[in-house]
C-alpha atoms as a PDB file:
ATOM      1  CA  MET A   1     -28.680 116.307  -0.291  1.00  0.00           C
ATOM      2  CA  LEU A   2     -25.386 114.435   0.759  1.00  0.00           C
ATOM      3  CA  LEU A   3     -24.504 112.092  -2.133  1.00  0.00           C
ATOM      4  CA  ARG A   4     -22.361 109.077  -1.208  1.00  0.00           C
ATOM      5  CA  SER A   5     -19.406 108.014  -3.192  1.00  0.00           C
ATOM      6  CA  ILE A   6     -19.783 104.133  -3.747  1.00  0.00           C
ATOM      7  CA  ARG A   7     -16.938 101.658  -5.127  1.00  0.00           C
ATOM      8  CA  LEU A   8     -17.684  98.594  -6.469  1.00  0.00           C
ATOM      9  CA  GLU A   9     -14.977  95.963  -7.488  1.00  0.00           C
ATOM     10  CA  LEU A  10     -15.662  92.888  -9.540  1.00  0.00           C
ATOM     11  CA  ALA A  11     -16.293  89.662  -7.170  1.00  0.00           C
ATOM     12  CA  ARG A  12     -14.850  86.189  -7.631  1.00  0.00           C
ATOM     13  CA  ASN A  13     -15.298  84.463 -10.323  1.00  0.00           C
ATOM     14  CA  PRO A  14     -14.174  81.565 -12.707  1.00  0.00           C
ATOM     15  CA  GLU A  15     -11.838  83.976 -14.571  1.00  0.00           C
ATOM     16  CA  PHE A  16     -10.945  86.115 -11.444  1.00  0.00           C
ATOM     17  CA  PRO A  17     -11.087  83.613  -8.631  1.00  0.00           C
ATOM     18  CA  GLU A  18      -9.782  86.041  -5.866  1.00  0.00           C
ATOM     19  CA  GLY A  19     -11.825  89.027  -7.632  1.00  0.00           C
ATOM     20  CA  SER A  20     -10.549  92.232  -9.112  1.00  0.00           C
ATOM     21  CA  SER A  21      -9.558  95.435  -7.502  1.00  0.00           C
ATOM     22  CA  SER A  22      -8.695  96.802 -11.080  1.00  0.00           C
ATOM     23  CA  ARG A  23     -12.240  96.181 -12.012  1.00  0.00           C
ATOM     24  CA  GLY A  24     -15.266  97.850 -11.161  1.00  0.00           C
ATOM     25  CA  TYR A  25     -17.427 101.119 -10.863  1.00  0.00           C
ATOM     26  CA  GLU A  26     -17.321 104.007  -8.836  1.00  0.00           C
ATOM     27  CA  PHE A  27     -20.307 106.228  -8.390  1.00  0.00           C
ATOM     28  CA  LYS A  28     -22.209 109.051  -6.668  1.00  0.00           C
ATOM     29  CA  ALA A  29     -26.154 108.624  -5.475  1.00  0.00           C
ATOM     30  CA  PRO A  30     -28.315 109.696  -2.481  1.00  0.00           C
ATOM     31  CA  LEU A  31     -28.738 106.868  -0.101  1.00  0.00           C
ATOM     32  CA  THR A  32     -31.159 106.495   2.700  1.00  0.00           C
ATOM     33  CA  ASP A  33     -29.961 105.721   6.359  1.00  0.00           C
ATOM     34  CA  ASP A  34     -30.159 102.025   5.573  1.00  0.00           C
ATOM     35  CA  GLY A  35     -28.141 102.542   2.443  1.00  0.00           C
ATOM     36  CA  ALA A  36     -30.689 101.961  -0.298  1.00  0.00           C
ATOM     37  CA  LEU A  37     -31.054 104.379  -3.370  1.00  0.00           C
ATOM     38  CA  ASP A  38     -33.218 107.606  -2.362  1.00  0.00           C
ATOM     39  CA  HIS A  39     -35.260 107.578  -5.898  1.00  0.00           C
ATOM     40  CA  GLU A  40     -36.954 111.071  -4.930  1.00  0.00           C
ATOM     41  CA  ALA A  41     -33.461 112.720  -3.702  1.00  0.00           C
ATOM     42  CA  TRP A  42     -31.785 111.339  -7.162  1.00  0.00           C
ATOM     43  CA  LYS A  43     -34.521 113.559  -8.891  1.00  0.00           C
ATOM     44  CA  THR A  44     -33.261 116.382  -7.510  1.00  0.00           C
ATOM     45  CA  VAL A  45     -29.676 115.759  -7.842  1.00  0.00           C
ATOM     46  CA  LYS A  46     -29.290 113.515 -10.807  1.00  0.00           C
ATOM     47  CA  ASP A  47     -26.957 115.251 -12.783  1.00  0.00           C
ATOM     48  CA  ALA A  48     -24.302 114.789 -10.084  1.00  0.00           C
ATOM     49  CA  CYS A  49     -24.695 111.220  -9.577  1.00  0.00           C
ATOM     50  CA  THR A  50     -21.822 110.295 -11.777  1.00  0.00           C
ATOM     51  CA  VAL A  51     -20.270 106.910 -12.748  1.00  0.00           C
ATOM     52  CA  ARG A  52     -16.852 105.811 -13.661  1.00  0.00           C
ATOM     53  CA  ARG A  53     -16.202 102.429 -14.767  1.00  0.00           C
ATOM     54  CA  PHE A  54     -12.716 101.131 -14.677  1.00  0.00           C
ATOM     55  CA  TRP A  55     -11.346  97.879 -16.314  1.00  0.00           C
ATOM     56  CA  ASN A  56      -7.787  97.032 -16.243  1.00  0.00           C
ATOM     57  CA  GLY A  57      -6.227  97.634 -20.028  1.00  0.00           C
ATOM     58  CA  GLN A  58      -9.041  99.471 -20.914  1.00  0.00           C
ATOM     59  CA  PRO A  59     -10.039 103.585 -20.731  1.00  0.00           C
ATOM     60  CA  ASP A  60     -12.110 104.385 -18.181  1.00  0.00           C
ATOM     61  CA  GLU A  61     -15.716 105.449 -19.033  1.00  0.00           C
ATOM     62  CA  ASN A  62     -17.886 108.034 -17.793  1.00  0.00           C
ATOM     63  CA  GLY A  63     -21.447 108.583 -17.294  1.00  0.00           C
ATOM     64  CA  LEU A  64     -24.349 108.920 -15.241  1.00  0.00           C
ATOM     65  CA  LEU A  65     -26.831 106.899 -12.855  1.00  0.00           C
ATOM     66  CA  ILE A  66     -30.104 107.248 -14.476  1.00  0.00           C
ATOM     67  CA  HIS A  67     -33.464 106.010 -13.819  1.00  0.00           C
ATOM     68  CA  THR A  68     -35.707 105.178 -16.746  1.00  0.00           C
ATOM     69  CA  ARG A  69     -39.470 104.949 -17.123  1.00  0.00           C
ATOM     70  CA  GLY A  70     -39.204 101.369 -17.066  1.00  0.00           C
ATOM     71  CA  LYS A  71     -38.411 102.032 -13.292  1.00  0.00           C
ATOM     72  CA  ARG A  72     -34.915 100.492 -13.888  1.00  0.00           C
ATOM     73  CA  TRP A  73     -31.660 102.171 -12.554  1.00  0.00           C
ATOM     74  CA  MET A  74     -28.616 101.795 -14.947  1.00  0.00           C
ATOM     75  CA  PHE A  75     -25.094 103.406 -15.830  1.00  0.00           C
ATOM     76  CA  HIS A  76     -25.382 105.372 -18.896  1.00  0.00           C
ATOM     77  CA  TYR A  77     -22.458 106.372 -20.986  1.00  0.00           C
ATOM     78  CA  ASP A  78     -22.668 109.067 -24.016  1.00  0.00           C
ATOM     79  CA  HIS A  79     -20.433 107.925 -26.779  1.00  0.00           C
ATOM     80  CA  PRO A  80     -20.279 110.624 -29.426  1.00  0.00           C
ATOM     81  CA  GLY A  81     -20.968 108.970 -32.732  1.00  0.00           C
ATOM     82  CA  VAL A  82     -22.205 105.547 -31.401  1.00  0.00           C
ATOM     83  CA  VAL A  83     -25.527 104.954 -32.335  1.00  0.00           C
ATOM     84  CA  ASP A  84     -26.435 102.613 -29.236  1.00  0.00           C
ATOM     85  CA  ASP A  85     -24.985 104.108 -26.311  1.00  0.00           C
ATOM     86  CA  HIS A  86     -23.349 101.658 -24.001  1.00  0.00           C
ATOM     87  CA  ASP A  87     -25.636 101.343 -20.699  1.00  0.00           C
ATOM     88  CA  ASP A  88     -25.153  98.999 -18.192  1.00  0.00           C
ATOM     89  CA  PRO A  89     -28.750  97.726 -16.554  1.00  0.00           C
ATOM     90  CA  ILE A  90     -28.250  96.968 -12.861  1.00  0.00           C
ATOM     91  CA  PHE A  91     -30.214  93.894 -11.536  1.00  0.00           C
ATOM     92  CA  ARG A  92     -32.781  95.026  -8.733  1.00  0.00           C
ATOM     93  CA  PHE A  93     -30.484  97.863  -8.197  1.00  0.00           C
ATOM     94  CA  ASP A  94     -33.553  99.476  -6.569  1.00  0.00           C
ATOM     95  CA  ARG A  95     -33.657  96.579  -3.522  1.00  0.00           C
ATOM     96  CA  HIS A  96     -29.788  96.836  -2.605  1.00  0.00           C
ATOM     97  CA  HIS A  97     -28.390  98.304   0.247  1.00  0.00           C
ATOM     98  CA  PHE A  98     -24.955  99.491  -0.493  1.00  0.00           C
ATOM     99  CA  VAL A  99     -23.143  98.410   2.817  1.00  0.00           C
ATOM    100  CA  GLU A 100     -19.890  97.214   2.394  1.00  0.00           C
ATOM    101  CA  GLY A 101     -19.409  93.503   1.839  1.00  0.00           C
ATOM    102  CA  GLU A 102     -22.611  93.664  -0.062  1.00  0.00           C
ATOM    103  CA  TYR A 103     -22.948  92.247  -3.742  1.00  0.00           C
ATOM    104  CA  VAL A 104     -24.373  93.704  -6.866  1.00  0.00           C
ATOM    105  CA  SER A 105     -24.990  92.177 -10.590  1.00  0.00           C
ATOM    106  CA  ILE A 106     -24.742  94.152 -13.456  1.00  0.00           C
ATOM    107  CA  THR A 107     -25.118  93.489 -17.005  1.00  0.00           C
ATOM    108  CA  GLU A 108     -22.175  94.912 -18.853  1.00  0.00           C
ATOM    109  CA  HIS A 109     -21.505  95.923 -22.392  1.00  0.00           C
ATOM    110  CA  ASP A 110     -20.778  92.485 -23.556  1.00  0.00           C
ATOM    111  CA  GLU A 111     -24.227  91.596 -21.926  1.00  0.00           C
ATOM    112  CA  GLU A 112     -22.512  89.396 -19.285  1.00  0.00           C
ATOM    113  CA  GLN A 113     -24.066  89.584 -15.819  1.00  0.00           C
ATOM    114  CA  ARG A 114     -21.077  90.039 -13.769  1.00  0.00           C
ATOM    115  CA  THR A 115     -21.061  90.659  -9.919  1.00  0.00           C
ATOM    116  CA  PHE A 116     -19.775  93.007  -7.818  1.00  0.00           C
ATOM    117  CA  ARG A 117     -18.790  93.485  -3.925  1.00  0.00           C
ATOM    118  CA  VAL A 118     -19.385  96.992  -2.551  1.00  0.00           C
ATOM    119  CA  VAL A 119     -15.820  97.709  -0.936  1.00  0.00           C
ATOM    120  CA  SER A 120     -16.373 101.199   0.389  1.00  0.00           C
ATOM    121  CA  VAL A 121     -19.447 104.252   1.149  1.00  0.00           C
ATOM    122  CA  ARG A 122     -17.656 107.013   1.754  1.00  0.00           C
END
């Protein structure tokens, strides 16, 4: 199964009118030919579906792309000693097509939903 590397960068918002290339996510996932997440393929390669959250001024966070029983996709981070892990749910991730220029909304640790732009799919 071929995994794609996808880079998301913070899109324009009031705090960053031009967006920010130093804030975002890089993750690996299996995609269909049209760029949608391939859930069936994910089941066989889920341990390789890693994510790195990068945010200027903060340490990188590393985790996994997971799919919950509630049929939600999210980025999951394991923080030893933290009772409530920081997971970032992704709004309608299963309906997105990961093609350069598309947008994705992610609810982050601070419960704020932010929009990110797909800047590369390799």
